[in-house]
Amino acid sequence: MVDIINQINEALLPSAFIILMGVLLRHWQPAGLTLAETRRVISTLVLSLFYPALIFSVIPSVTLEGDIFSAPLVSNVGIVVGMLACWLFYPWLKRQGWGKPELGALMLVCGLGNIISLGVPLLQAVQGEQAARFAIYIDIMAITPMLWGVGLWVAIEWGGNEEQKQTPLRFFKSLMSLPPIWAFAAAILMNIYGLSLPDFLQKGTTMLGNVTMSGMLLVVGMSLSFASLKKHRGIAVLASLVKLLVVPAAVYFTAIFTMSDLKTIQATVLIAATPSMMAAMILSERYGLNTELLSTVLVTSTALFFITLPIWLWVLA
């Protein structure tokens, strides 16, 4: 129990503080920048600079083992379970006069987790600095393909906007336009061939990479809106419980039957237990899903995460 309390102090409380700072930024426009502009600038820097730097600071020096494939594969089981579980809500959605845009929004937030902003500091608090590799593996090889493959297909097919249909070529182009994909490929090659960065670059990428989590946590706080919580409270709580309890449970039972390394099991389950992914809002706004419902689940799952995480830390202790 003492270890769990220490892990919560090391991971959750600092994260909660930074999220709170992001919430405060919603009501303050630094240098005259609007909320949307500030959020977009931070997100762009994270995607194009800070996250690739984190990859280069971690991946070239880790020992490549089976977890580079097993953790993403098992994580995909949880993603699929979360998305399919949303169909249980569909009859209720239809009775409310809703349809596919709402179901699509729920599929995104129930299946995809907020790995980098909350998963990385959590794993580092529980297992040490090198545990960030699990989050990177799962993000690059599970979350990102599912977001830009299945997630994009759902958003295009069920959204309210008239868009071109998703094709394998468009999916490939979407993936190849993401800087972290190229950084991950280069870092893996460096690892395989035993190459390392010069000391000054290693320190520089580490310093830049450390900004990744705090930057994304600020964006999380800046994205939280409580205005629609009363309107969608019931469905938001149910969807959040799918993401925070059902998805990690599916990953847990899959992992204990398919994995042997306890640290890999623990890391994979904890990543699955993170709240809904903020990037899902990008697809929702772009393609016409129900963004109000989606953002309500984001708020609810992020809040409930601070209650459900100790349960999973206890289960995995």
Protein backbone atom coordinates (compact mmCIF):
# COMPACT_ATOMS: atom_id res chain seq x y z
CA MET A 1 0.00 0.00 0.00
CA VAL A 2 2.89 2.37 0.79
CA ASP A 3 4.37 1.71 -2.66
CA ILE A 4 1.03 2.49 -4.32
CA ILE A 5 0.75 5.77 -2.40
CA ASN A 6 4.30 6.70 -3.42
CA GLN A 7 3.54 5.90 -7.07
CA ILE A 8 0.41 8.04 -6.94
CA ASN A 9 2.43 10.90 -5.42
CA GLU A 10 5.12 10.60 -8.10
CA ALA A 11 2.84 10.21 -11.12
CA LEU A 12 -0.68 11.45 -10.48
CA LEU A 13 -0.20 14.54 -8.34
CA PRO A 14 2.34 16.27 -10.62
CA SER A 15 0.17 15.38 -13.63
CA ALA A 16 -2.93 16.74 -11.89
CA PHE A 17 -1.09 19.99 -11.13
CA ILE A 18 -0.06 20.51 -14.77
CA ILE A 19 -3.59 19.67 -15.99
CA LEU A 20 -4.90 22.29 -13.56
CA MET A 21 -2.49 24.84 -15.04
CA GLY A 22 -3.93 23.97 -18.45
CA VAL A 23 -7.45 24.55 -17.15
CA LEU A 24 -6.37 27.98 -15.90
CA LEU A 25 -4.91 28.76 -19.33
CA ARG A 26 -8.43 28.39 -20.74
CA HIS A 27 -9.25 31.69 -19.07
CA TRP A 28 -6.01 33.52 -19.85
CA GLN A 29 -4.72 34.50 -23.29
CA PRO A 30 -0.91 34.78 -23.12
CA ALA A 31 0.48 37.36 -25.58
CA GLY A 32 -3.02 37.76 -26.99
CA LEU A 33 -3.16 34.19 -28.33
CA THR A 34 -6.58 32.55 -28.28
CA LEU A 35 -7.16 29.23 -26.55
CA ALA A 36 -7.29 27.39 -29.89
CA GLU A 37 -4.06 29.04 -31.10
CA THR A 38 -2.17 28.26 -27.89
CA ARG A 39 -3.35 24.67 -27.90
CA ARG A 40 -2.45 24.25 -31.57
CA VAL A 41 1.06 25.69 -31.08
CA ILE A 42 1.80 23.40 -28.13
CA SER A 43 0.38 20.34 -29.89
CA THR A 44 2.39 21.08 -33.04
CA LEU A 45 5.63 21.48 -31.08
CA VAL A 46 4.97 18.22 -29.22
CA LEU A 47 4.24 16.26 -32.39
CA SER A 48 7.04 17.75 -34.50
CA LEU A 49 9.83 18.31 -31.96
CA PHE A 50 9.39 17.21 -28.35
CA TYR A 51 7.99 13.71 -28.91
CA PRO A 52 10.56 12.78 -31.61
CA ALA A 53 13.26 14.01 -29.22
CA LEU A 54 11.83 11.76 -26.49
CA ILE A 55 12.01 8.80 -28.88
CA PHE A 56 15.67 9.53 -29.71
CA SER A 57 16.52 9.92 -26.02
CA VAL A 58 15.06 6.52 -25.07
CA ILE A 59 14.86 3.99 -27.92
CA PRO A 60 18.51 3.82 -29.17
CA SER A 61 19.76 2.71 -25.75
CA VAL A 62 17.09 0.18 -24.68
CA THR A 63 17.50 -3.57 -25.01
CA LEU A 64 15.22 -4.68 -27.84
CA GLU A 65 13.24 -7.73 -26.77
CA GLY A 66 9.92 -9.36 -27.57
CA ASP A 67 8.04 -6.60 -25.75
CA ILE A 68 8.49 -4.33 -28.77
CA PHE A 69 5.87 -6.51 -30.50
CA SER A 70 3.95 -8.17 -27.65
CA ALA A 71 2.96 -4.96 -25.85
CA PRO A 72 1.40 -3.34 -28.97
CA LEU A 73 -0.32 -6.58 -30.03
CA VAL A 74 -1.96 -7.09 -26.63
CA SER A 75 -2.86 -3.39 -26.50
CA ASN A 76 -4.73 -3.76 -29.78
CA VAL A 77 -6.96 -6.35 -28.11
CA GLY A 78 -8.02 -3.73 -25.59
CA ILE A 79 -8.60 -1.11 -28.28
CA VAL A 80 -10.85 -3.45 -30.25
CA VAL A 81 -12.77 -4.50 -27.11
CA GLY A 82 -13.33 -0.85 -26.16
CA MET A 83 -14.60 0.09 -29.61
CA LEU A 84 -16.88 -2.93 -29.90
CA ALA A 85 -18.28 -2.40 -26.39
CA CYS A 86 -19.70 0.93 -27.57
CA TRP A 87 -22.24 -0.92 -29.70
CA LEU A 88 -23.98 -1.79 -26.43
CA PHE A 89 -24.91 1.90 -26.22
CA TYR A 90 -26.32 2.09 -29.73
CA PRO A 91 -29.97 1.15 -28.90
CA TRP A 92 -29.96 3.80 -26.17
CA LEU A 93 -28.44 6.36 -28.55
CA LYS A 94 -31.18 5.68 -31.11
CA ARG A 95 -33.88 6.18 -28.46
CA GLN A 96 -32.32 9.58 -27.74
CA GLY A 97 -32.57 10.51 -31.41
CA TRP A 98 -28.85 10.08 -31.95
CA GLY A 99 -27.03 7.86 -34.41
CA LYS A 100 -23.71 7.06 -36.03
CA PRO A 101 -21.95 10.41 -35.27
CA GLU A 102 -22.47 9.75 -31.56
CA LEU A 103 -21.51 6.08 -31.82
CA GLY A 104 -18.37 7.02 -33.75
CA ALA A 105 -17.38 9.54 -31.09
CA LEU A 106 -17.84 6.93 -28.35
CA MET A 107 -15.80 4.35 -30.28
CA LEU A 108 -12.85 6.74 -30.44
CA VAL A 109 -12.87 7.69 -26.77
CA CYS A 110 -13.53 4.16 -25.50
CA GLY A 111 -10.83 2.52 -27.57
CA LEU A 112 -7.93 4.98 -27.65
CA GLY A 113 -5.97 6.04 -24.57
CA ASN A 114 -4.04 9.17 -23.62
CA ILE A 115 -0.69 7.40 -23.64
CA ILE A 116 2.01 10.02 -23.94
CA SER A 117 0.75 12.71 -21.57
CA LEU A 118 -0.35 10.40 -18.74
CA GLY A 119 1.12 7.00 -19.62
CA VAL A 120 4.78 8.02 -19.79
CA PRO A 121 5.00 9.76 -16.38
CA LEU A 122 2.98 6.92 -14.85
CA LEU A 123 5.31 4.20 -16.17
CA GLN A 124 8.40 6.17 -15.22
CA ALA A 125 7.09 6.59 -11.68
CA VAL A 126 6.32 2.87 -11.37
CA GLN A 127 9.23 1.27 -13.28
CA GLY A 128 11.86 3.95 -13.92
CA GLU A 129 12.93 6.14 -16.83
CA GLN A 130 13.45 3.34 -19.36
CA ALA A 131 9.82 2.22 -18.98
CA ALA A 132 8.89 5.05 -21.33
CA ARG A 133 9.80 2.62 -24.12
CA PHE A 134 6.57 0.66 -23.52
CA ALA A 135 4.47 3.78 -24.06
CA ILE A 136 6.41 4.61 -27.23
CA TYR A 137 6.08 1.06 -28.60
CA ILE A 138 2.33 1.02 -27.97
CA ASP A 139 1.78 4.54 -29.28
CA ILE A 140 3.72 4.04 -32.52
CA MET A 141 2.70 0.43 -33.26
CA ALA A 142 -0.86 0.27 -31.87
CA ILE A 143 -2.51 3.59 -31.04
CA THR A 144 -1.27 5.60 -34.04
CA PRO A 145 -2.22 3.01 -36.71
CA MET A 146 -5.61 2.47 -35.05
CA LEU A 147 -6.27 6.22 -34.80
CA TRP A 148 -5.35 6.98 -38.41
CA GLY A 149 -6.75 3.70 -39.74
CA VAL A 150 -9.89 2.55 -37.92
CA GLY A 151 -10.47 5.91 -36.20
CA LEU A 152 -10.21 7.90 -39.41
CA TRP A 153 -12.45 5.41 -41.23
CA VAL A 154 -15.11 5.69 -38.50
CA ALA A 155 -14.91 9.49 -38.54
CA ILE A 156 -15.25 9.69 -42.34
CA GLU A 157 -17.99 7.06 -42.67
CA TRP A 158 -20.12 8.17 -39.72
CA GLY A 159 -19.31 11.87 -39.45
CA GLY A 160 -21.62 14.60 -40.66
CA ASN A 161 -19.21 15.99 -43.26
CA GLU A 162 -18.99 14.77 -46.85
CA GLU A 163 -15.45 13.47 -47.17
CA GLN A 164 -13.49 11.20 -49.47
CA LYS A 165 -13.49 7.58 -48.34
CA GLN A 166 -10.44 6.21 -46.56
CA THR A 167 -8.15 4.10 -48.75
CA PRO A 168 -4.93 2.17 -47.98
CA LEU A 169 -2.94 4.84 -49.84
CA ARG A 170 -4.45 7.69 -47.79
CA PHE A 171 -3.85 5.69 -44.60
CA PHE A 172 -0.20 5.18 -45.57
CA LYS A 173 0.23 8.86 -46.42
CA SER A 174 -1.32 9.86 -43.07
CA LEU A 175 1.15 7.67 -41.18
CA MET A 176 4.16 8.80 -43.19
CA SER A 177 3.35 12.46 -42.53
CA LEU A 178 3.86 12.00 -38.77
CA PRO A 179 7.38 12.95 -37.52
CA PRO A 180 7.30 10.43 -34.61
CA ILE A 181 7.01 7.56 -37.12
CA TRP A 182 10.25 8.60 -38.81
CA ALA A 183 11.95 9.24 -35.47
CA PHE A 184 10.96 5.78 -34.24
CA ALA A 185 12.26 4.09 -37.41
CA ALA A 186 15.58 5.96 -37.19
CA ALA A 187 15.94 5.24 -33.46
CA ILE A 188 15.30 1.52 -34.00
CA LEU A 189 17.98 1.41 -36.72
CA MET A 190 20.41 3.19 -34.38
CA ASN A 191 19.67 0.58 -31.72
CA ILE A 192 20.13 -2.35 -34.11
CA TYR A 193 23.47 -1.06 -35.44
CA GLY A 194 24.75 0.01 -32.03
CA LEU A 195 24.85 3.71 -32.85
CA SER A 196 24.48 6.33 -30.14
CA LEU A 197 24.10 10.07 -30.11
CA PRO A 198 27.01 12.29 -29.04
CA ASP A 199 26.74 13.29 -25.39
CA PHE A 200 25.58 16.83 -26.14
CA LEU A 201 22.82 15.55 -28.45
CA GLN A 202 21.78 12.89 -25.95
CA LYS A 203 21.41 15.54 -23.25
CA GLY A 204 19.66 17.88 -25.68
CA THR A 205 17.12 15.28 -26.82
CA THR A 206 16.52 14.30 -23.19
CA MET A 207 15.82 17.91 -22.24
CA LEU A 208 13.48 18.39 -25.20
CA GLY A 209 11.84 15.00 -24.66
CA ASN A 210 11.03 15.81 -21.04
CA VAL A 211 8.83 18.66 -22.28
CA THR A 212 6.60 16.17 -24.14
CA MET A 213 4.58 15.07 -21.13
CA SER A 214 4.16 18.50 -19.53
CA GLY A 215 3.21 20.03 -22.89
CA MET A 216 0.56 17.40 -23.57
CA LEU A 217 -0.78 17.64 -20.02
CA LEU A 218 -1.24 21.38 -20.53
CA VAL A 219 -3.18 20.61 -23.72
CA VAL A 220 -5.30 18.11 -21.76
CA GLY A 221 -6.19 20.81 -19.23
CA MET A 222 -6.86 23.36 -21.96
CA SER A 223 -9.18 20.89 -23.71
CA LEU A 224 -11.33 20.13 -20.67
CA SER A 225 -14.74 21.79 -20.74
CA PHE A 226 -17.33 21.07 -18.08
CA ALA A 227 -20.22 22.87 -19.81
CA SER A 228 -21.87 19.74 -21.24
CA LEU A 229 -21.19 17.43 -18.30
CA LYS A 230 -24.69 17.70 -16.80
CA LYS A 231 -26.34 17.07 -20.18
CA HIS A 232 -24.37 13.90 -20.98
CA ARG A 233 -23.45 12.74 -17.47
CA GLY A 234 -24.93 9.23 -17.68
CA ILE A 235 -23.48 8.14 -21.01
CA ALA A 236 -20.17 9.87 -20.22
CA VAL A 237 -19.72 7.89 -16.99
CA LEU A 238 -20.61 4.59 -18.69
CA ALA A 239 -18.25 5.23 -21.60
CA SER A 240 -15.49 6.27 -19.19
CA LEU A 241 -15.90 3.05 -17.21
CA VAL A 242 -15.53 1.08 -20.44
CA LYS A 243 -12.24 2.87 -21.11
CA LEU A 244 -10.91 2.76 -17.56
CA LEU A 245 -12.10 -0.68 -16.42
CA VAL A 246 -13.27 -2.89 -19.31
CA VAL A 247 -10.38 -2.11 -21.69
CA PRO A 248 -7.57 -2.66 -19.14
CA ALA A 249 -9.36 -5.80 -17.89
CA ALA A 250 -9.34 -7.21 -21.43
CA VAL A 251 -5.66 -6.35 -21.75
CA TYR A 252 -4.89 -7.82 -18.32
CA PHE A 253 -6.46 -11.21 -19.03
CA THR A 254 -4.92 -11.33 -22.50
CA ALA A 255 -1.51 -10.41 -21.10
CA ILE A 256 -1.41 -12.99 -18.31
CA PHE A 257 -2.14 -15.75 -20.83
CA THR A 258 0.26 -14.56 -23.54
CA MET A 259 3.13 -12.81 -21.71
CA SER A 260 5.67 -14.04 -19.19
CA ASP A 261 7.54 -10.88 -18.22
CA LEU A 262 5.81 -9.21 -15.26
CA LYS A 263 7.11 -5.71 -16.04
CA THR A 264 5.77 -5.92 -19.59
CA ILE A 265 2.39 -7.09 -18.29
CA GLN A 266 2.26 -4.29 -15.73
CA ALA A 267 3.26 -1.60 -18.22
CA THR A 268 0.84 -2.79 -20.91
CA VAL A 269 -2.11 -2.89 -18.51
CA LEU A 270 -1.31 0.52 -17.00
CA ILE A 271 -1.14 2.05 -20.48
CA ALA A 272 -4.55 0.52 -21.25
CA ALA A 273 -5.91 2.06 -18.04
CA THR A 274 -5.21 5.64 -19.15
CA PRO A 275 -8.19 7.92 -19.94
CA SER A 276 -9.47 8.79 -23.39
CA MET A 277 -7.16 10.20 -26.04
CA MET A 278 -7.31 13.95 -26.67
CA ALA A 279 -6.27 13.53 -30.32
CA ALA A 280 -9.66 11.92 -30.97
CA MET A 281 -11.09 15.45 -30.83
CA ILE A 282 -9.13 16.33 -33.97
CA LEU A 283 -10.95 13.69 -36.01
CA SER A 284 -14.28 14.50 -34.39
CA GLU A 285 -14.10 18.21 -35.20
CA ARG A 286 -12.72 17.64 -38.70
CA TYR A 287 -15.22 15.02 -39.86
CA GLY A 288 -18.40 15.92 -38.00
CA LEU A 289 -18.78 13.44 -35.15
CA ASN A 290 -20.53 14.61 -31.97
CA THR A 291 -17.66 16.63 -30.49
CA GLU A 292 -19.71 17.80 -27.50
CA LEU A 293 -20.34 14.21 -26.41
CA LEU A 294 -16.75 13.22 -27.13
CA SER A 295 -15.31 16.10 -25.10
CA THR A 296 -17.65 15.28 -22.21
CA VAL A 297 -16.28 11.72 -22.10
CA LEU A 298 -12.73 13.13 -22.24
CA VAL A 299 -13.43 15.25 -19.16
CA THR A 300 -15.18 12.44 -17.30
CA SER A 301 -12.59 9.76 -18.05
CA THR A 302 -9.73 12.07 -17.08
CA ALA A 303 -11.40 12.86 -13.75
CA LEU A 304 -12.29 9.21 -13.01
CA PHE A 305 -8.75 8.10 -13.93
CA PHE A 306 -7.53 9.46 -10.62
CA ILE A 307 -9.96 7.07 -8.89
CA THR A 308 -9.53 3.95 -11.04
CA LEU A 309 -5.73 4.04 -11.36
CA PRO A 310 -5.09 3.08 -7.70
CA ILE A 311 -7.30 0.02 -8.31
CA TRP A 312 -5.06 -1.14 -11.16
CA LEU A 313 -1.90 -0.35 -9.21
CA TRP A 314 -3.25 -2.59 -6.44
CA VAL A 315 -4.20 -5.38 -8.89
CA LEU A 316 -0.75 -5.29 -10.50
CA ALA A 317 1.25 -4.87 -7.29
